[in-house]
C-alpha atoms as a PDB file:
ATOM      1  CA  MET A   1      -0.009  -0.005  -0.018  1.00  0.00           C
ATOM      2  CA  ASP A   2       1.312   3.473  -0.930  1.00  0.00           C
ATOM      3  CA  THR A   3       1.137   5.938   1.836  1.00  0.00           C
ATOM      4  CA  THR A   4       2.339   9.048  -0.003  1.00  0.00           C
ATOM      5  CA  LYS A   5      -0.202  11.772  -0.568  1.00  0.00           C
ATOM      6  CA  THR A   6      -0.389  13.737  -3.640  1.00  0.00           C
ATOM      7  CA  PRO A   7      -1.159  17.389  -3.246  1.00  0.00           C
ATOM      8  CA  ALA A   8      -4.337  18.892  -4.545  1.00  0.00           C
ATOM      9  CA  PRO A   9      -3.683  20.723  -7.824  1.00  0.00           C
ATOM     10  CA  ASN A  10      -4.725  24.169  -6.306  1.00  0.00           C
ATOM     11  CA  ALA A  11      -2.960  23.700  -2.909  1.00  0.00           C
ATOM     12  CA  VAL A  12       0.205  25.566  -1.973  1.00  0.00           C
ATOM     13  CA  ASP A  13       3.027  23.482  -0.853  1.00  0.00           C
ATOM     14  CA  LEU A  14       3.363  24.935   2.607  1.00  0.00           C
ATOM     15  CA  ASP A  15       6.610  23.015   3.384  1.00  0.00           C
ATOM     16  CA  LYS A  16       8.293  24.556   0.345  1.00  0.00           C
ATOM     17  CA  ALA A  17       6.898  27.989   1.110  1.00  0.00           C
ATOM     18  CA  ASP A  18       7.998  27.958   4.693  1.00  0.00           C
ATOM     19  CA  THR A  19      11.611  26.993   3.838  1.00  0.00           C
ATOM     20  CA  GLU A  20      12.045  29.396   0.896  1.00  0.00           C
ATOM     21  CA  ALA A  21      10.762  32.591   2.615  1.00  0.00           C
ATOM     22  CA  PRO A  22      13.159  32.404   5.502  1.00  0.00           C
ATOM     23  CA  ALA A  23      16.004  31.516   3.243  1.00  0.00           C
ATOM     24  CA  GLU A  24      15.355  34.528   1.012  1.00  0.00           C
ATOM     25  CA  ALA A  25      14.915  36.788   4.050  1.00  0.00           C
ATOM     26  CA  ALA A  26      18.092  35.406   5.603  1.00  0.00           C
ATOM     27  CA  GLY A  27      19.947  35.946   2.424  1.00  0.00           C
ATOM     28  CA  LEU A  28      18.829  39.668   2.325  1.00  0.00           C
ATOM     29  CA  GLU A  29      19.768  40.046   5.927  1.00  0.00           C
ATOM     30  CA  LEU A  30      23.205  38.516   5.291  1.00  0.00           C
ATOM     31  CA  GLU A  31      23.782  40.843   2.401  1.00  0.00           C
ATOM     32  CA  ASP A  32      22.628  43.913   4.338  1.00  0.00           C
ATOM     33  CA  ALA A  33      24.653  42.825   7.457  1.00  0.00           C
ATOM     34  CA  GLU A  34      27.935  42.478   5.541  1.00  0.00           C
ATOM     35  CA  PRO A  35      28.128  46.274   4.735  1.00  0.00           C
ATOM     36  CA  GLU A  36      27.164  47.262   8.201  1.00  0.00           C
ATOM     37  CA  ALA A  37      29.835  44.898   9.629  1.00  0.00           C
ATOM     38  CA  GLU A  38      32.392  46.416   7.130  1.00  0.00           C
ATOM     39  CA  GLU A  39      31.409  49.882   8.235  1.00  0.00           C
ATOM     40  CA  LEU A  40      31.650  49.071  11.920  1.00  0.00           C
ATOM     41  CA  ALA A  41      35.101  47.479  11.354  1.00  0.00           C
ATOM     42  CA  ALA A  42      36.213  50.613   9.392  1.00  0.00           C
ATOM     43  CA  GLU A  43      34.929  52.893  12.210  1.00  0.00           C
ATOM     44  CA  GLN A  44      36.711  50.778  14.815  1.00  0.00           C
ATOM     45  CA  ALA A  45      39.956  50.923  12.806  1.00  0.00           C
ATOM     46  CA  GLU A  46      39.735  54.725  12.594  1.00  0.00           C
ATOM     47  CA  ASP A  47      39.184  54.793  16.332  1.00  0.00           C
ATOM     48  CA  ASP A  48      42.215  52.739  16.816  1.00  0.00           C
ATOM     49  CA  GLU A  49      44.302  54.997  14.651  1.00  0.00           C
ATOM     50  CA  GLN A  50      43.268  58.220  16.240  1.00  0.00           C
ATOM     51  CA  PRO A  51      44.841  59.005  19.649  1.00  0.00           C
ATOM     52  CA  SER A  52      42.424  59.703  22.551  1.00  0.00           C
ATOM     53  CA  HIS A  53      43.941  63.038  23.555  1.00  0.00           C
ATOM     54  CA  ALA A  54      43.478  62.221  27.197  1.00  0.00           C
ATOM     55  CA  GLY A  55      46.809  63.525  28.168  1.00  0.00           C
ATOM     56  CA  ALA A  56      46.408  66.731  26.261  1.00  0.00           C
ATOM     57  CA  ALA A  57      42.950  67.222  27.759  1.00  0.00           C
ATOM     58  CA  ALA A  58      44.132  66.594  31.290  1.00  0.00           C
ATOM     59  CA  SER A  59      47.046  68.991  30.817  1.00  0.00           C
ATOM     60  CA  ALA A  60      44.812  71.686  29.499  1.00  0.00           C
ATOM     61  CA  ILE A  61      42.492  71.317  32.521  1.00  0.00           C
ATOM     62  CA  VAL A  62      45.452  71.327  34.833  1.00  0.00           C
ATOM     63  CA  ALA A  63      46.774  74.480  33.270  1.00  0.00           C
ATOM     64  CA  ALA A  64      43.349  76.197  33.593  1.00  0.00           C
ATOM     65  CA  GLY A  65      43.202  75.150  37.231  1.00  0.00           C
ATOM     66  CA  LEU A  66      46.758  76.484  37.960  1.00  0.00           C
ATOM     67  CA  SER A  67      46.015  79.811  36.274  1.00  0.00           C
ATOM     68  CA  VAL A  68      42.709  80.246  38.236  1.00  0.00           C
ATOM     69  CA  VAL A  69      44.590  79.356  41.513  1.00  0.00           C
ATOM     70  CA  ALA A  70      47.245  81.922  40.622  1.00  0.00           C
ATOM     71  CA  LEU A  71      44.593  84.628  40.260  1.00  0.00           C
ATOM     72  CA  SER A  72      42.710  83.773  43.241  1.00  0.00           C
ATOM     73  CA  GLY A  73      45.454  82.834  45.669  1.00  0.00           C
ATOM     74  CA  SER A  74      46.344  79.493  47.003  1.00  0.00           C
ATOM     75  CA  TRP A  75      46.938  77.778  50.464  1.00  0.00           C
ATOM     76  CA  VAL A  76      50.607  77.609  49.504  1.00  0.00           C
ATOM     77  CA  ALA A  77      50.795  81.399  48.948  1.00  0.00           C
ATOM     78  CA  GLY A  78      49.138  81.911  52.253  1.00  0.00           C
ATOM     79  CA  ILE A  79      51.560  79.566  54.118  1.00  0.00           C
ATOM     80  CA  VAL A  80      54.462  81.202  52.455  1.00  0.00           C
ATOM     81  CA  SER A  81      53.209  84.705  53.291  1.00  0.00           C
ATOM     82  CA  GLU A  82      52.596  83.819  56.912  1.00  0.00           C
ATOM     83  CA  ARG A  83      56.194  82.298  57.107  1.00  0.00           C
ATOM     84  CA  SER A  84      57.731  85.440  55.620  1.00  0.00           C
ATOM     85  CA  SER A  85      55.792  87.577  58.092  1.00  0.00           C
ATOM     86  CA  ILE A  86      56.892  85.645  61.175  1.00  0.00           C
ATOM     87  CA  ALA A  87      60.497  85.455  59.982  1.00  0.00           C
ATOM     88  CA  ALA A  88      60.633  89.280  59.402  1.00  0.00           C
ATOM     89  CA  ARG A  89      59.068  89.882  62.871  1.00  0.00           C
ATOM     90  CA  LEU A  90      61.626  87.730  64.534  1.00  0.00           C
ATOM     91  CA  GLU A  91      64.464  89.632  62.857  1.00  0.00           C
ATOM     92  CA  LEU A  92      62.944  92.927  63.655  1.00  0.00           C
ATOM     93  CA  SER A  93      64.234  94.617  66.860  1.00  0.00           C
ATOM     94  CA  GLN A  94      61.851  96.503  69.284  1.00  0.00           C
ATOM     95  CA  ALA A  95      63.641  99.806  68.453  1.00  0.00           C
ATOM     96  CA  ALA A  96      62.842  99.690  64.792  1.00  0.00           C
ATOM     97  CA  ASP A  97      61.025 102.584  63.200  1.00  0.00           C
ATOM     98  CA  ALA A  98      57.515 102.500  61.891  1.00  0.00           C
ATOM     99  CA  ASN A  99      58.646 102.093  58.195  1.00  0.00           C
ATOM    100  CA  ALA A 100      60.809  99.076  59.031  1.00  0.00           C
ATOM    101  CA  GLN A 101      57.853  97.456  60.845  1.00  0.00           C
ATOM    102  CA  ILE A 102      55.530  98.074  57.952  1.00  0.00           C
ATOM    103  CA  ALA A 103      58.071  96.540  55.622  1.00  0.00           C
ATOM    104  CA  ALA A 104      58.574  93.455  57.793  1.00  0.00           C
ATOM    105  CA  GLN A 105      54.834  92.817  58.440  1.00  0.00           C
ATOM    106  CA  PHE A 106      53.372  93.726  55.035  1.00  0.00           C
ATOM    107  CA  VAL A 107      55.896  94.105  52.169  1.00  0.00           C
ATOM    108  CA  GLY A 108      57.728  90.825  52.587  1.00  0.00           C
ATOM    109  CA  PRO A 109      54.589  88.715  52.799  1.00  0.00           C
ATOM    110  CA  TRP A 110      53.045  90.711  49.868  1.00  0.00           C
ATOM    111  CA  HIS A 111      56.180  89.864  47.676  1.00  0.00           C
ATOM    112  CA  SER A 112      56.112  86.218  48.793  1.00  0.00           C
ATOM    113  CA  THR A 113      52.486  85.858  47.853  1.00  0.00           C
ATOM    114  CA  ALA A 114      53.146  87.562  44.546  1.00  0.00           C
ATOM    115  CA  LEU A 115      56.138  85.209  43.887  1.00  0.00           C
ATOM    116  CA  VAL A 116      54.164  82.124  44.621  1.00  0.00           C
ATOM    117  CA  ASN A 117      51.305  83.228  42.310  1.00  0.00           C
ATOM    118  CA  GLY A 118      53.784  84.153  39.647  1.00  0.00           C
ATOM    119  CA  ILE A 119      55.155  80.618  39.782  1.00  0.00           C
ATOM    120  CA  PHE A 120      51.742  79.110  39.363  1.00  0.00           C
ATOM    121  CA  SER A 121      51.071  81.431  36.519  1.00  0.00           C
ATOM    122  CA  THR A 122      54.267  80.522  34.772  1.00  0.00           C
ATOM    123  CA  LEU A 123      53.543  76.756  35.227  1.00  0.00           C
ATOM    124  CA  ALA A 124      50.148  77.256  33.753  1.00  0.00           C
ATOM    125  CA  LEU A 125      51.451  79.208  30.823  1.00  0.00           C
ATOM    126  CA  ILE A 126      54.096  76.520  30.096  1.00  0.00           C
ATOM    127  CA  ILE A 127      51.618  73.771  30.289  1.00  0.00           C
ATOM    128  CA  ALA A 128      49.140  75.503  28.007  1.00  0.00           C
ATOM    129  CA  VAL A 129      51.791  76.368  25.365  1.00  0.00           C
ATOM    130  CA  PHE A 130      52.931  72.772  25.508  1.00  0.00           C
ATOM    131  CA  VAL A 131      49.442  71.381  24.953  1.00  0.00           C
ATOM    132  CA  LEU A 132      48.897  73.780  21.933  1.00  0.00           C
ATOM    133  CA  ALA A 133      52.309  72.907  20.529  1.00  0.00           C
ATOM    134  CA  LEU A 134      51.837  69.137  20.831  1.00  0.00           C
ATOM    135  CA  PRO A 135      50.341  68.472  17.499  1.00  0.00           C
ATOM    136  CA  ALA A 136      53.299  70.084  15.790  1.00  0.00           C
ATOM    137  CA  PHE A 137      55.533  67.442  17.059  1.00  0.00           C
ATOM    138  CA  ALA A 138      52.980  64.623  16.157  1.00  0.00           C
ATOM    139  CA  SER A 139      51.810  63.476  12.781  1.00  0.00           C
ATOM    140  CA  PRO A 140      50.655  66.249  10.496  1.00  0.00           C
ATOM    141  CA  GLU A 141      46.898  64.896  10.401  1.00  0.00           C
ATOM    142  CA  ARG A 142      46.671  64.870  14.310  1.00  0.00           C
ATOM    143  CA  HIS A 143      44.481  67.809  15.623  1.00  0.00           C
ATOM    144  CA  LEU A 144      43.418  68.379  19.113  1.00  0.00           C
ATOM    145  CA  PRO A 145      39.658  68.609  19.925  1.00  0.00           C
ATOM    146  CA  THR A 146      38.326  72.123  19.804  1.00  0.00           C
ATOM    147  CA  TRP A 147      37.387  72.117  23.464  1.00  0.00           C
ATOM    148  CA  VAL A 148      41.079  71.247  24.490  1.00  0.00           C
ATOM    149  CA  ARG A 149      42.494  74.080  22.276  1.00  0.00           C
ATOM    150  CA  SER A 150      39.857  76.456  23.803  1.00  0.00           C
ATOM    151  CA  VAL A 151      40.751  75.575  27.334  1.00  0.00           C
ATOM    152  CA  SER A 152      44.495  75.917  26.533  1.00  0.00           C
ATOM    153  CA  TRP A 153      43.953  79.384  25.001  1.00  0.00           C
ATOM    154  CA  ALA A 154      41.961  80.361  28.066  1.00  0.00           C
ATOM    155  CA  SER A 155      44.813  79.091  30.313  1.00  0.00           C
ATOM    156  CA  ILE A 156      47.287  81.002  28.278  1.00  0.00           C
ATOM    157  CA  ALA A 157      45.241  84.280  28.743  1.00  0.00           C
ATOM    158  CA  LEU A 158      44.828  83.682  32.509  1.00  0.00           C
ATOM    159  CA  GLY A 159      48.349  82.740  32.909  1.00  0.00           C
ATOM    160  CA  ALA A 160      49.562  85.858  31.137  1.00  0.00           C
ATOM    161  CA  LEU A 161      47.182  87.875  33.353  1.00  0.00           C
ATOM    162  CA  GLY A 162      48.680  86.286  36.400  1.00  0.00           C
ATOM    163  CA  ILE A 163      52.254  87.033  35.331  1.00  0.00           C
ATOM    164  CA  LEU A 164      51.238  90.615  34.804  1.00  0.00           C
ATOM    165  CA  LEU A 165      49.758  90.824  38.307  1.00  0.00           C
ATOM    166  CA  PHE A 166      52.903  89.129  39.690  1.00  0.00           C
ATOM    167  CA  VAL A 167      55.079  91.881  38.183  1.00  0.00           C
ATOM    168  CA  LEU A 168      52.784  94.672  39.308  1.00  0.00           C
ATOM    169  CA  MET A 169      52.592  93.140  42.925  1.00  0.00           C
ATOM    170  CA  TYR A 170      56.242  92.175  43.283  1.00  0.00           C
ATOM    171  CA  PHE A 171      57.657  95.525  42.232  1.00  0.00           C
ATOM    172  CA  ASP A 172      55.020  97.494  44.061  1.00  0.00           C
ATOM    173  CA  LEU A 173      53.589  99.024  40.967  1.00  0.00           C
ATOM    174  CA  LEU A 174      50.030  97.849  41.734  1.00  0.00           C
ATOM    175  CA  LEU A 175      49.690  99.491  45.117  1.00  0.00           C
ATOM    176  CA  ALA A 176      52.329 101.629  46.902  1.00  0.00           C
ATOM    177  CA  VAL A 177      53.990 100.727  50.026  1.00  0.00           C
ATOM    178  CA  PRO A 178      52.334 102.436  53.008  1.00  0.00           C
ATOM    179  CA  LYS A 179      54.786 104.888  54.667  1.00  0.00           C
ATOM    180  CA  ALA A 180      54.562 106.077  58.240  1.00  0.00           C
ATOM    181  CA  ALA A 181      54.055 109.743  58.836  1.00  0.00           C
ATOM    182  CA  GLY A 182      57.049 111.575  60.306  1.00  0.00           C
END
């Protein structure tokens, strides 16, 4: 006895339709997936070739921080100023005139503060210039991100302002040294 069925003349072969449609869809998906995979691999290769600029970004932020600290004053400048004031008072005799006492208590600490802030400003300026000059020593197609360059330029401006204030403070051009009457 023969157990095979013959399909009806108008019936659709469901087994064949079910296997052909996913195969065609899978073929289209594979063809579409290959260019996407190639694009992803190309983007990943570009990311591997480009440096992360993390060091330059961190240096630019450090330079900006140093320049802000130089303009606003720092704990280190306060300590150096107090130390200068104490050392000048210890060297000062009781018989010293008023101008010598003013110089010991105010001018020395003022100059010490200016010196420390000038050092911070100079460090900020050097670091910011180094960050901006870094691409010149690397490959020609290497460029820093815009925000890193902007922060570096801001650090240069603030560092230059800090150095200007250092000169004005240290040489008593900003404010005159008070003098005792007499």
